[in-house]
Amino acid sequence: MKSDTCFGKKSGQHLNQYYDEYEAIDAANYSREQYNNYLIPYQCAKCSFWHLSPKARITPSKKCNKCTAGDGTFKDTYRVKKEAYVRANIIYNEHGIDLQVYECSFGNGWHLTKRF
């Protein structure tokens, strides 16, 4: 089923949505077997359904409960510095925004910022 709210970053097309993790895993396995695509299921924070993403784009993050962005929303935090750099590079390549990586002052992982 196609999503009404979520779109591919590169294609701009509606993403396929899956109702649970098992359905998404089955779709990822099918894609791997039929097309040699390596896709990873993830639960979308926007719609709560499951989507598939190329493995290279997956940078697990969660919301920091201490640090906020300039607009007052809680910042994403990445488990390790490398994952934060991968996300910063993706954002630069897709949007031309140069972000810096820094360690959370509260020990919650790594953040991105436009300032430095």
Protein backbone atom coordinates (compact mmCIF):
# COMPACT_ATOMS: atom_id res chain seq x y z
CA MET A 1 0.00 0.00 0.00
CA LYS A 2 1.29 3.49 -0.80
CA SER A 3 1.64 6.11 1.93
CA ASP A 4 -0.42 9.31 1.83
CA THR A 5 2.07 11.21 3.96
CA CYS A 6 5.58 9.87 3.28
CA PHE A 7 7.63 10.34 0.13
CA GLY A 8 11.01 9.14 -1.12
CA LYS A 9 13.79 11.67 -0.58
CA LYS A 10 15.26 11.19 -4.06
CA SER A 11 12.27 10.06 -6.10
CA GLY A 12 9.56 12.19 -4.50
CA GLN A 13 7.23 9.19 -4.97
CA HIS A 14 4.85 7.87 -2.32
CA LEU A 15 6.61 5.29 -0.14
CA ASN A 16 5.27 1.80 0.29
CA GLN A 17 3.94 1.36 3.80
CA TYR A 18 3.69 -1.82 5.80
CA TYR A 19 1.47 -2.37 8.82
CA ASP A 20 4.01 -4.23 10.93
CA GLU A 21 7.67 -5.14 11.08
CA TYR A 22 7.12 -8.69 9.83
CA GLU A 23 5.38 -7.48 6.66
CA ALA A 24 8.24 -5.02 6.05
CA ILE A 25 10.86 -7.74 6.60
CA ASP A 26 9.08 -9.97 4.08
CA ALA A 27 9.08 -7.13 1.54
CA ALA A 28 12.79 -6.46 2.14
CA ASN A 29 13.59 -10.16 1.69
CA TYR A 30 11.56 -10.29 -1.53
CA SER A 31 13.38 -7.22 -2.87
CA ARG A 32 16.74 -8.80 -2.03
CA GLU A 33 15.85 -12.09 -3.72
CA GLN A 34 14.18 -10.63 -6.81
CA TYR A 35 16.20 -7.45 -7.44
CA ASN A 36 19.37 -7.85 -5.37
CA ASN A 37 18.39 -4.71 -3.40
CA TYR A 38 19.51 -4.47 0.21
CA LEU A 39 16.73 -2.64 2.00
CA ILE A 40 16.21 -2.24 5.73
CA PRO A 41 12.79 -1.91 7.40
CA TYR A 42 12.24 1.03 9.76
CA GLN A 43 9.26 2.36 11.66
CA CYS A 44 8.45 5.87 10.51
CA ALA A 45 8.25 8.56 13.19
CA LYS A 46 5.86 10.55 11.00
CA CYS A 47 3.17 7.98 10.17
CA SER A 48 4.03 5.04 12.52
CA PHE A 49 3.87 2.58 9.61
CA TRP A 50 6.93 0.68 8.37
CA HIS A 51 8.91 1.64 5.26
CA LEU A 52 12.04 0.32 3.56
CA SER A 53 15.26 2.23 3.08
CA PRO A 54 18.58 1.44 1.41
CA LYS A 55 20.96 0.13 4.04
CA ALA A 56 23.42 3.01 3.41
CA ARG A 57 20.77 5.58 4.45
CA ILE A 58 19.97 4.04 7.81
CA THR A 59 21.33 6.12 10.67
CA PRO A 60 19.43 5.13 13.80
CA SER A 61 18.56 8.08 15.98
CA LYS A 62 16.27 8.98 18.83
CA LYS A 63 15.19 12.25 20.38
CA CYS A 64 17.45 13.68 23.06
CA ASN A 65 15.44 14.53 26.17
CA LYS A 66 17.76 17.41 27.10
CA CYS A 67 19.00 19.25 23.96
CA THR A 68 16.80 21.40 21.74
CA ALA A 69 17.23 22.92 18.30
CA GLY A 70 16.75 26.60 17.53
CA ASP A 71 13.04 26.02 16.92
CA GLY A 72 12.59 24.44 20.37
CA THR A 73 12.18 20.83 19.21
CA PHE A 74 14.28 18.11 20.78
CA LYS A 75 17.40 17.26 18.78
CA ASP A 76 18.03 13.89 17.19
CA THR A 77 20.84 11.99 18.84
CA TYR A 78 22.98 9.34 17.15
CA ARG A 79 24.54 6.43 19.02
CA VAL A 80 28.04 6.83 17.59
CA LYS A 81 29.96 9.61 15.90
CA LYS A 82 30.17 7.72 12.60
CA GLU A 83 26.37 7.47 12.29
CA ALA A 84 26.07 11.22 12.90
CA TYR A 85 28.64 11.87 10.15
CA VAL A 86 26.76 9.58 7.76
CA ARG A 87 23.53 11.53 8.40
CA ALA A 88 25.35 14.87 8.02
CA ASN A 89 26.73 13.73 4.64
CA ILE A 90 23.30 12.57 3.47
CA ILE A 91 21.81 15.95 4.38
CA TYR A 92 24.65 17.78 2.62
CA ASN A 93 24.33 15.68 -0.55
CA GLU A 94 20.53 16.02 -0.70
CA HIS A 95 20.02 19.57 0.55
CA GLY A 96 23.42 21.30 0.42
CA ILE A 97 23.32 22.04 4.16
CA ASP A 98 26.73 21.71 5.83
CA LEU A 99 26.33 20.33 9.35
CA GLN A 100 28.90 19.69 12.05
CA VAL A 101 28.90 16.75 14.46
CA TYR A 102 29.38 17.24 18.20
CA GLU A 103 29.04 15.18 21.35
CA CYS A 104 25.97 15.73 23.52
CA SER A 105 26.83 17.60 26.72
CA PHE A 106 24.59 15.22 28.66
CA GLY A 107 26.19 12.02 27.33
CA ASN A 108 23.20 11.09 25.16
CA GLY A 109 25.21 10.45 21.97
CA TRP A 110 26.05 12.76 19.07
CA HIS A 111 24.17 15.72 17.56
CA LEU A 112 24.29 17.78 14.38
CA THR A 113 24.49 21.55 14.22
CA LYS A 114 24.83 24.32 11.63
CA ARG A 115 26.96 26.35 14.05
CA PHE A 116 30.61 25.95 15.05
